[in-house]
PDB file of N, CA and C in Angstrom:
ATOM      1  N   MET A   1       1.046   2.198  -6.277  1.00  0.00           N
ATOM      2  CA  MET A   1      -0.217   2.702  -5.919  1.00  0.00           C
ATOM      3  C   MET A   1      -0.289   4.182  -6.180  1.00  0.00           C
ATOM      4  N   ALA A   2      -1.418   4.690  -6.472  1.00  0.00           N
ATOM      5  CA  ALA A   2      -1.544   6.088  -6.845  1.00  0.00           C
ATOM      6  C   ALA A   2      -1.518   7.014  -5.653  1.00  0.00           C
ATOM      7  N   ILE A   3      -2.080   6.596  -4.540  1.00  0.00           N
ATOM      8  CA  ILE A   3      -2.165   7.516  -3.380  1.00  0.00           C
ATOM      9  C   ILE A   3      -0.887   7.335  -2.532  1.00  0.00           C
ATOM     10  N   ASN A   4      -0.140   8.447  -2.423  1.00  0.00           N
ATOM     11  CA  ASN A   4       1.112   8.399  -1.640  1.00  0.00           C
ATOM     12  C   ASN A   4       1.011   9.269  -0.408  1.00  0.00           C
ATOM     13  N   SER A   5      -0.212   9.747  -0.051  1.00  0.00           N
ATOM     14  CA  SER A   5      -0.380  10.488   1.210  1.00  0.00           C
ATOM     15  C   SER A   5      -1.599   9.957   1.909  1.00  0.00           C
ATOM     16  N   VAL A   6      -1.585  10.088   3.238  1.00  0.00           N
ATOM     17  CA  VAL A   6      -2.660   9.570   4.022  1.00  0.00           C
ATOM     18  C   VAL A   6      -2.830  10.441   5.265  1.00  0.00           C
ATOM     19  N   ARG A   7      -4.123  10.629   5.682  1.00  0.00           N
ATOM     20  CA  ARG A   7      -4.387  11.405   6.877  1.00  0.00           C
ATOM     21  C   ARG A   7      -3.921  10.645   8.136  1.00  0.00           C
ATOM     22  N   ILE A   8      -3.632  11.347   9.207  1.00  0.00           N
ATOM     23  CA  ILE A   8      -3.163  10.702  10.415  1.00  0.00           C
ATOM     24  C   ILE A   8      -4.112   9.600  10.900  1.00  0.00           C
ATOM     25  N   GLN A   9      -5.404   9.892  10.949  1.00  0.00           N
ATOM     26  CA  GLN A   9      -6.354   8.891  11.444  1.00  0.00           C
ATOM     27  C   GLN A   9      -6.354   7.654  10.542  1.00  0.00           C
ATOM     28  N   ASP A  10      -6.312   7.856   9.220  1.00  0.00           N
ATOM     29  CA  ASP A  10      -6.273   6.706   8.331  1.00  0.00           C
ATOM     30  C   ASP A  10      -4.974   5.914   8.481  1.00  0.00           C
ATOM     31  N   ALA A  11      -3.882   6.622   8.747  1.00  0.00           N
ATOM     32  CA  ALA A  11      -2.609   5.943   8.990  1.00  0.00           C
ATOM     33  C   ALA A  11      -2.695   5.059  10.228  1.00  0.00           C
ATOM     34  N   ALA A  12      -3.340   5.555  11.273  1.00  0.00           N
ATOM     35  CA  ALA A  12      -3.472   4.779  12.508  1.00  0.00           C
ATOM     36  C   ALA A  12      -4.340   3.568  12.265  1.00  0.00           C
ATOM     37  N   ASP A  13      -5.390   3.729  11.490  1.00  0.00           N
ATOM     38  CA  ASP A  13      -6.330   2.607  11.224  1.00  0.00           C
ATOM     39  C   ASP A  13      -5.723   1.546  10.310  1.00  0.00           C
ATOM     40  N   LYS A  14      -4.801   1.911   9.431  1.00  0.00           N
ATOM     41  CA  LYS A  14      -4.268   1.011   8.437  1.00  0.00           C
ATOM     42  C   LYS A  14      -2.779   0.901   8.475  1.00  0.00           C
ATOM     43  N   LEU A  15      -2.226   0.961   9.669  1.00  0.00           N
ATOM     44  CA  LEU A  15      -0.777   0.987   9.819  1.00  0.00           C
ATOM     45  C   LEU A  15      -0.099  -0.227   9.187  1.00  0.00           C
ATOM     46  N   SER A  16      -0.657  -1.427   9.443  1.00  0.00           N
ATOM     47  CA  SER A  16      -0.041  -2.659   8.893  1.00  0.00           C
ATOM     48  C   SER A  16       0.027  -2.614   7.351  1.00  0.00           C
ATOM     49  N   GLU A  17      -1.086  -2.194   6.733  1.00  0.00           N
ATOM     50  CA  GLU A  17      -1.087  -2.069   5.263  1.00  0.00           C
ATOM     51  C   GLU A  17      -0.065  -1.042   4.776  1.00  0.00           C
ATOM     52  N   LEU A  18      -0.017   0.111   5.473  1.00  0.00           N
ATOM     53  CA  LEU A  18       0.934   1.145   5.039  1.00  0.00           C
ATOM     54  C   LEU A  18       2.338   0.648   5.195  1.00  0.00           C
ATOM     55  N   LEU A  19       2.668  -0.034   6.302  1.00  0.00           N
ATOM     56  CA  LEU A  19       4.025  -0.558   6.485  1.00  0.00           C
ATOM     57  C   LEU A  19       4.392  -1.589   5.434  1.00  0.00           C
ATOM     58  N   ALA A  20       3.416  -2.357   5.004  1.00  0.00           N
ATOM     59  CA  ALA A  20       3.685  -3.347   3.942  1.00  0.00           C
ATOM     60  C   ALA A  20       4.033  -2.613   2.654  1.00  0.00           C
ATOM     61  N   ARG A  21       3.337  -1.510   2.359  1.00  0.00           N
ATOM     62  CA  ARG A  21       3.634  -0.712   1.169  1.00  0.00           C
ATOM     63  C   ARG A  21       5.014  -0.056   1.271  1.00  0.00           C
ATOM     64  N   VAL A  22       5.340   0.417   2.441  1.00  0.00           N
ATOM     65  CA  VAL A  22       6.652   1.053   2.672  1.00  0.00           C
ATOM     66  C   VAL A  22       7.748  -0.012   2.563  1.00  0.00           C
ATOM     67  N   GLU A  23       7.494  -1.165   3.122  1.00  0.00           N
ATOM     68  CA  GLU A  23       8.464  -2.255   3.017  1.00  0.00           C
ATOM     69  C   GLU A  23       8.722  -2.634   1.559  1.00  0.00           C
ATOM     70  N   ALA A  24       7.702  -2.467   0.696  1.00  0.00           N
ATOM     71  CA  ALA A  24       7.819  -2.788  -0.696  1.00  0.00           C
ATOM     72  C   ALA A  24       8.553  -1.694  -1.474  1.00  0.00           C
ATOM     73  N   GLY A  25       8.900  -0.574  -0.747  1.00  0.00           N
ATOM     74  CA  GLY A  25       9.682   0.469  -1.398  1.00  0.00           C
ATOM     75  C   GLY A  25       8.964   1.815  -1.608  1.00  0.00           C
ATOM     76  N   GLU A  26       7.722   1.885  -1.220  1.00  0.00           N
ATOM     77  CA  GLU A  26       6.928   3.102  -1.374  1.00  0.00           C
ATOM     78  C   GLU A  26       7.184   4.087  -0.245  1.00  0.00           C
ATOM     79  N   THR A  27       7.172   5.368  -0.528  1.00  0.00           N
ATOM     80  CA  THR A  27       7.270   6.418   0.488  1.00  0.00           C
ATOM     81  C   THR A  27       5.911   7.046   0.644  1.00  0.00           C
ATOM     82  N   ILE A  28       5.395   7.177   1.851  1.00  0.00           N
ATOM     83  CA  ILE A  28       4.032   7.687   2.118  1.00  0.00           C
ATOM     84  C   ILE A  28       4.135   8.915   3.017  1.00  0.00           C
ATOM     85  N   THR A  29       3.449   9.968   2.646  1.00  0.00           N
ATOM     86  CA  THR A  29       3.379  11.170   3.412  1.00  0.00           C
ATOM     87  C   THR A  29       2.166  11.138   4.303  1.00  0.00           C
ATOM     88  N   VAL A  30       2.340  11.409   5.613  1.00  0.00           N
ATOM     89  CA  VAL A  30       1.247  11.460   6.568  1.00  0.00           C
ATOM     90  C   VAL A  30       0.914  12.933   6.757  1.00  0.00           C
ATOM     91  N   THR A  31      -0.410  13.258   6.636  1.00  0.00           N
ATOM     92  CA  THR A  31      -0.818  14.643   6.722  1.00  0.00           C
ATOM     93  C   THR A  31      -1.782  14.882   7.859  1.00  0.00           C
ATOM     94  N   ARG A  32      -1.772  16.143   8.333  1.00  0.00           N
ATOM     95  CA  ARG A  32      -2.749  16.637   9.326  1.00  0.00           C
ATOM     96  C   ARG A  32      -3.409  17.847   8.692  1.00  0.00           C
ATOM     97  N   CYS A  33      -4.722  17.762   8.485  1.00  0.00           N
ATOM     98  CA  CYS A  33      -5.464  18.872   7.861  1.00  0.00           C
ATOM     99  C   CYS A  33      -4.819  19.247   6.529  1.00  0.00           C
ATOM    100  N   GLY A  34      -4.359  18.278   5.802  1.00  0.00           N
ATOM    101  CA  GLY A  34      -3.751  18.547   4.474  1.00  0.00           C
ATOM    102  C   GLY A  34      -2.285  18.979   4.477  1.00  0.00           C
ATOM    103  N   THR A  35      -1.726  19.151   5.657  1.00  0.00           N
ATOM    104  CA  THR A  35      -0.338  19.594   5.783  1.00  0.00           C
ATOM    105  C   THR A  35       0.553  18.388   6.094  1.00  0.00           C
ATOM    106  N   PRO A  36       1.580  18.154   5.316  1.00  0.00           N
ATOM    107  CA  PRO A  36       2.501  17.045   5.623  1.00  0.00           C
ATOM    108  C   PRO A  36       3.141  17.187   6.990  1.00  0.00           C
ATOM    109  N   VAL A  37       3.115  16.095   7.745  1.00  0.00           N
ATOM    110  CA  VAL A  37       3.734  16.109   9.097  1.00  0.00           C
ATOM    111  C   VAL A  37       4.764  15.033   9.282  1.00  0.00           C
ATOM    112  N   ALA A  38       4.740  14.021   8.412  1.00  0.00           N
ATOM    113  CA  ALA A  38       5.706  12.879   8.591  1.00  0.00           C
ATOM    114  C   ALA A  38       5.795  12.134   7.263  1.00  0.00           C
ATOM    115  N   LEU A  39       6.926  11.423   7.128  1.00  0.00           N
ATOM    116  CA  LEU A  39       7.150  10.549   5.994  1.00  0.00           C
ATOM    117  C   LEU A  39       7.367   9.126   6.496  1.00  0.00           C
ATOM    118  N   LEU A  40       6.681   8.217   5.844  1.00  0.00           N
ATOM    119  CA  LEU A  40       6.983   6.783   6.085  1.00  0.00           C
ATOM    120  C   LEU A  40       7.861   6.359   4.923  1.00  0.00           C
ATOM    121  N   THR A  41       9.112   6.035   5.198  1.00  0.00           N
ATOM    122  CA  THR A  41      10.034   5.671   4.141  1.00  0.00           C
ATOM    123  C   THR A  41      10.685   4.348   4.497  1.00  0.00           C
ATOM    124  N   PRO A  42      11.043   3.567   3.455  1.00  0.00           N
ATOM    125  CA  PRO A  42      11.739   2.321   3.738  1.00  0.00           C
ATOM    126  C   PRO A  42      13.122   2.528   4.302  1.00  0.00           C
ATOM    127  N   VAL A  43      13.548   1.617   5.156  1.00  0.00           N
ATOM    128  CA  VAL A  43      14.882   1.629   5.646  1.00  0.00           C
ATOM    129  C   VAL A  43      15.817   1.312   4.481  1.00  0.00           C
ATOM    130  N   ALA A  44      16.931   2.032   4.406  1.00  0.00           N
ATOM    131  CA  ALA A  44      17.827   1.846   3.279  1.00  0.00           C
ATOM    132  C   ALA A  44      18.487   0.439   3.401  1.00  0.00           C
ATOM    133  N   ARG A  45      17.899  -0.467   2.678  1.00  0.00           N
ATOM    134  CA  ARG A  45      18.436  -1.829   2.558  1.00  0.00           C
ATOM    135  C   ARG A  45      17.997  -2.416   1.247  1.00  0.00           C
ATOM    136  N   GLU A  46      18.676  -3.393   0.820  1.00  0.00           N
ATOM    137  CA  GLU A  46      18.332  -4.019  -0.476  1.00  0.00           C
ATOM    138  C   GLU A  46      17.156  -4.952  -0.296  1.00  0.00           C
ATOM    139  N   VAL A  47      16.110  -4.747  -1.073  1.00  0.00           N
ATOM    140  CA  VAL A  47      14.912  -5.610  -1.061  1.00  0.00           C
ATOM    141  C   VAL A  47      14.858  -6.288  -2.433  1.00  0.00           C
ATOM    142  N   SER A  48      14.847  -7.567  -2.402  1.00  0.00           N
ATOM    143  CA  SER A  48      14.807  -8.351  -3.661  1.00  0.00           C
ATOM    144  C   SER A  48      13.502  -8.089  -4.384  1.00  0.00           C
ATOM    145  N   PRO A  49      13.508  -8.164  -5.686  1.00  0.00           N
ATOM    146  CA  PRO A  49      12.246  -7.968  -6.449  1.00  0.00           C
ATOM    147  C   PRO A  49      11.169  -8.989  -6.041  1.00  0.00           C
ATOM    148  N   ALA A  50      11.599 -10.236  -5.720  1.00  0.00           N
ATOM    149  CA  ALA A  50      10.635 -11.232  -5.322  1.00  0.00           C
ATOM    150  C   ALA A  50       9.965 -10.843  -3.980  1.00  0.00           C
ATOM    151  N   ARG A  51      10.777 -10.406  -3.041  1.00  0.00           N
ATOM    152  CA  ARG A  51      10.246  -9.973  -1.721  1.00  0.00           C
ATOM    153  C   ARG A  51       9.320  -8.803  -1.876  1.00  0.00           C
ATOM    154  N   ARG A  52       9.689  -7.837  -2.724  1.00  0.00           N
ATOM    155  CA  ARG A  52       8.849  -6.640  -2.977  1.00  0.00           C
ATOM    156  C   ARG A  52       7.499  -7.098  -3.559  1.00  0.00           C
ATOM    157  N   ALA A  53       7.466  -8.065  -4.455  1.00  0.00           N
ATOM    158  CA  ALA A  53       6.228  -8.540  -5.032  1.00  0.00           C
ATOM    159  C   ALA A  53       5.359  -9.213  -4.023  1.00  0.00           C
ATOM    160  N   ILE A  54       5.979 -10.020  -3.170  1.00  0.00           N
ATOM    161  CA  ILE A  54       5.227 -10.704  -2.111  1.00  0.00           C
ATOM    162  C   ILE A  54       4.566  -9.732  -1.147  1.00  0.00           C
ATOM    163  N   VAL A  55       5.332  -8.743  -0.724  1.00  0.00           N
ATOM    164  CA  VAL A  55       4.796  -7.732   0.188  1.00  0.00           C
ATOM    165  C   VAL A  55       3.668  -6.987  -0.423  1.00  0.00           C
ATOM    166  N   ARG A  56       3.777  -6.584  -1.701  1.00  0.00           N
ATOM    167  CA  ARG A  56       2.718  -5.860  -2.372  1.00  0.00           C
ATOM    168  C   ARG A  56       1.442  -6.728  -2.530  1.00  0.00           C
ATOM    169  N   LEU A  57       1.625  -7.979  -2.844  1.00  0.00           N
ATOM    170  CA  LEU A  57       0.475  -8.889  -2.984  1.00  0.00           C
ATOM    171  C   LEU A  57      -0.226  -9.032  -1.643  1.00  0.00           C
ATOM    172  N   ARG A  58       0.529  -9.167  -0.562  1.00  0.00           N
ATOM    173  CA  ARG A  58      -0.070  -9.256   0.766  1.00  0.00           C
ATOM    174  C   ARG A  58      -0.867  -8.020   1.113  1.00  0.00           C
ATOM    175  N   ALA A  59      -0.392  -6.860   0.706  1.00  0.00           N
ATOM    176  CA  ALA A  59      -1.096  -5.598   0.967  1.00  0.00           C
ATOM    177  C   ALA A  59      -2.408  -5.581   0.196  1.00  0.00           C
ATOM    178  N   LEU A  60      -2.474  -6.224  -0.932  1.00  0.00           N
ATOM    179  CA  LEU A  60      -3.671  -6.241  -1.755  1.00  0.00           C
ATOM    180  C   LEU A  60      -4.717  -7.234  -1.277  1.00  0.00           C
ATOM    181  N   ARG A  61      -4.348  -8.173  -0.425  1.00  0.00           N
ATOM    182  CA  ARG A  61      -5.270  -9.214   0.049  1.00  0.00           C
ATOM    183  C   ARG A  61      -6.517  -8.668   0.695  1.00  0.00           C
ATOM    184  N   GLY A  62      -6.459  -7.531   1.332  1.00  0.00           N
ATOM    185  CA  GLY A  62      -7.568  -7.012   2.098  1.00  0.00           C
ATOM    186  C   GLY A  62      -8.675  -6.445   1.268  1.00  0.00           C
ATOM    187  N   GLY A  63      -8.880  -6.856   0.064  1.00  0.00           N
ATOM    188  CA  GLY A  63      -9.932  -6.344  -0.789  1.00  0.00           C
ATOM    189  C   GLY A  63      -9.586  -5.035  -1.464  1.00  0.00           C
ATOM    190  N   ALA A  64      -8.311  -4.846  -1.671  1.00  0.00           N
ATOM    191  CA  ALA A  64      -7.836  -3.619  -2.323  1.00  0.00           C
ATOM    192  C   ALA A  64      -8.335  -3.551  -3.771  1.00  0.00           C
ATOM    193  N   LEU A  65      -8.355  -2.369  -4.244  1.00  0.00           N
ATOM    194  CA  LEU A  65      -8.825  -2.126  -5.629  1.00  0.00           C
ATOM    195  C   LEU A  65      -7.613  -1.937  -6.562  1.00  0.00           C
ATOM    196  N   LEU A  66      -7.759  -2.380  -7.754  1.00  0.00           N
ATOM    197  CA  LEU A  66      -6.742  -2.183  -8.779  1.00  0.00           C
ATOM    198  C   LEU A  66      -7.461  -1.606 -10.000  1.00  0.00           C
ATOM    199  N   ASN A  67      -7.256  -0.350 -10.293  1.00  0.00           N
ATOM    200  CA  ASN A  67      -7.964   0.334 -11.370  1.00  0.00           C
ATOM    201  C   ASN A  67      -9.456   0.251 -11.150  1.00  0.00           C
ATOM    202  N   GLY A  68      -9.923   0.347  -9.878  1.00  0.00           N
ATOM    203  CA  GLY A  68     -11.338   0.334  -9.556  1.00  0.00           C
ATOM    204  C   GLY A  68     -11.972  -1.064  -9.480  1.00  0.00           C
ATOM    205  N   LEU A  69     -11.202  -2.092  -9.702  1.00  0.00           N
ATOM    206  CA  LEU A  69     -11.762  -3.444  -9.619  1.00  0.00           C
ATOM    207  C   LEU A  69     -11.156  -4.196  -8.482  1.00  0.00           C
ATOM    208  N   LYS A  70     -11.955  -5.012  -7.819  1.00  0.00           N
ATOM    209  CA  LYS A  70     -11.437  -5.853  -6.758  1.00  0.00           C
ATOM    210  C   LYS A  70     -10.576  -6.968  -7.357  1.00  0.00           C
ATOM    211  N   ILE A  71      -9.631  -7.404  -6.627  1.00  0.00           N
ATOM    212  CA  ILE A  71      -8.745  -8.487  -7.084  1.00  0.00           C
ATOM    213  C   ILE A  71      -9.572  -9.727  -7.445  1.00  0.00           C
ATOM    214  N   GLU A  72     -10.591 -10.006  -6.648  1.00  0.00           N
ATOM    215  CA  GLU A  72     -11.426 -11.167  -6.898  1.00  0.00           C
ATOM    216  C   GLU A  72     -12.151 -11.050  -8.296  1.00  0.00           C
ATOM    217  N   GLU A  73     -12.545  -9.836  -8.609  1.00  0.00           N
ATOM    218  CA  GLU A  73     -13.218  -9.598  -9.915  1.00  0.00           C
ATOM    219  C   GLU A  73     -12.235  -9.860 -11.087  1.00  0.00           C
ATOM    220  N   LEU A  74     -11.022  -9.415 -10.905  1.00  0.00           N
ATOM    221  CA  LEU A  74     -10.026  -9.657 -11.943  1.00  0.00           C
ATOM    222  C   LEU A  74      -9.731 -11.158 -12.072  1.00  0.00           C
ATOM    223  N   ARG A  75      -9.609 -11.813 -10.921  1.00  0.00           N
ATOM    224  CA  ARG A  75      -9.317 -13.246 -10.905  1.00  0.00           C
ATOM    225  C   ARG A  75     -10.402 -14.055 -11.605  1.00  0.00           C
ATOM    226  N   ASP A  76     -11.664 -13.673 -11.336  1.00  0.00           N
ATOM    227  CA  ASP A  76     -12.794 -14.420 -11.852  1.00  0.00           C
ATOM    228  C   ASP A  76     -13.225 -14.031 -13.234  1.00  0.00           C
ATOM    229  N   GLU A  77     -12.645 -13.002 -13.785  1.00  0.00           N
ATOM    230  CA  GLU A  77     -13.059 -12.517 -15.126  1.00  0.00           C
ATOM    231  C   GLU A  77     -12.901 -13.632 -16.142  1.00  0.00           C
ATOM    232  N   GLY A  78     -13.973 -13.871 -16.868  1.00  0.00           N
ATOM    233  CA  GLY A  78     -13.953 -14.855 -17.913  1.00  0.00           C
ATOM    234  C   GLY A  78     -14.145 -16.298 -17.447  1.00  0.00           C
ATOM    235  N   ARG A  79     -14.305 -16.504 -16.113  1.00  0.00           N
ATOM    236  CA  ARG A  79     -14.585 -17.827 -15.639  1.00  0.00           C
ATOM    237  C   ARG A  79     -16.072 -18.129 -15.700  1.00  0.00           C
ATOM    238  N   PRO A  80     -16.428 -19.356 -16.012  1.00  0.00           N
ATOM    239  CA  PRO A  80     -17.845 -19.691 -16.060  1.00  0.00           C
ATOM    240  C   PRO A  80     -18.491 -19.770 -14.680  1.00  0.00           C
TER     241      PRO A  80
END
């Protein structure tokens, strides 16, 4: 994902999604007024590529965008 920082309020509102991203291996910076105050980092453990893919797909379920397109739009592209 392109955005690796999040405001404190957004972090509180989307904690489950952020934790899924962290579990998939991403590190996220939490900011207050643009100043970094915390890091969400994965616990040092081996995560299988399959598990990482599952976690990332679950994070996308909530109507996430991929290059500005909804997952449903990508799925339905070219379908009659």
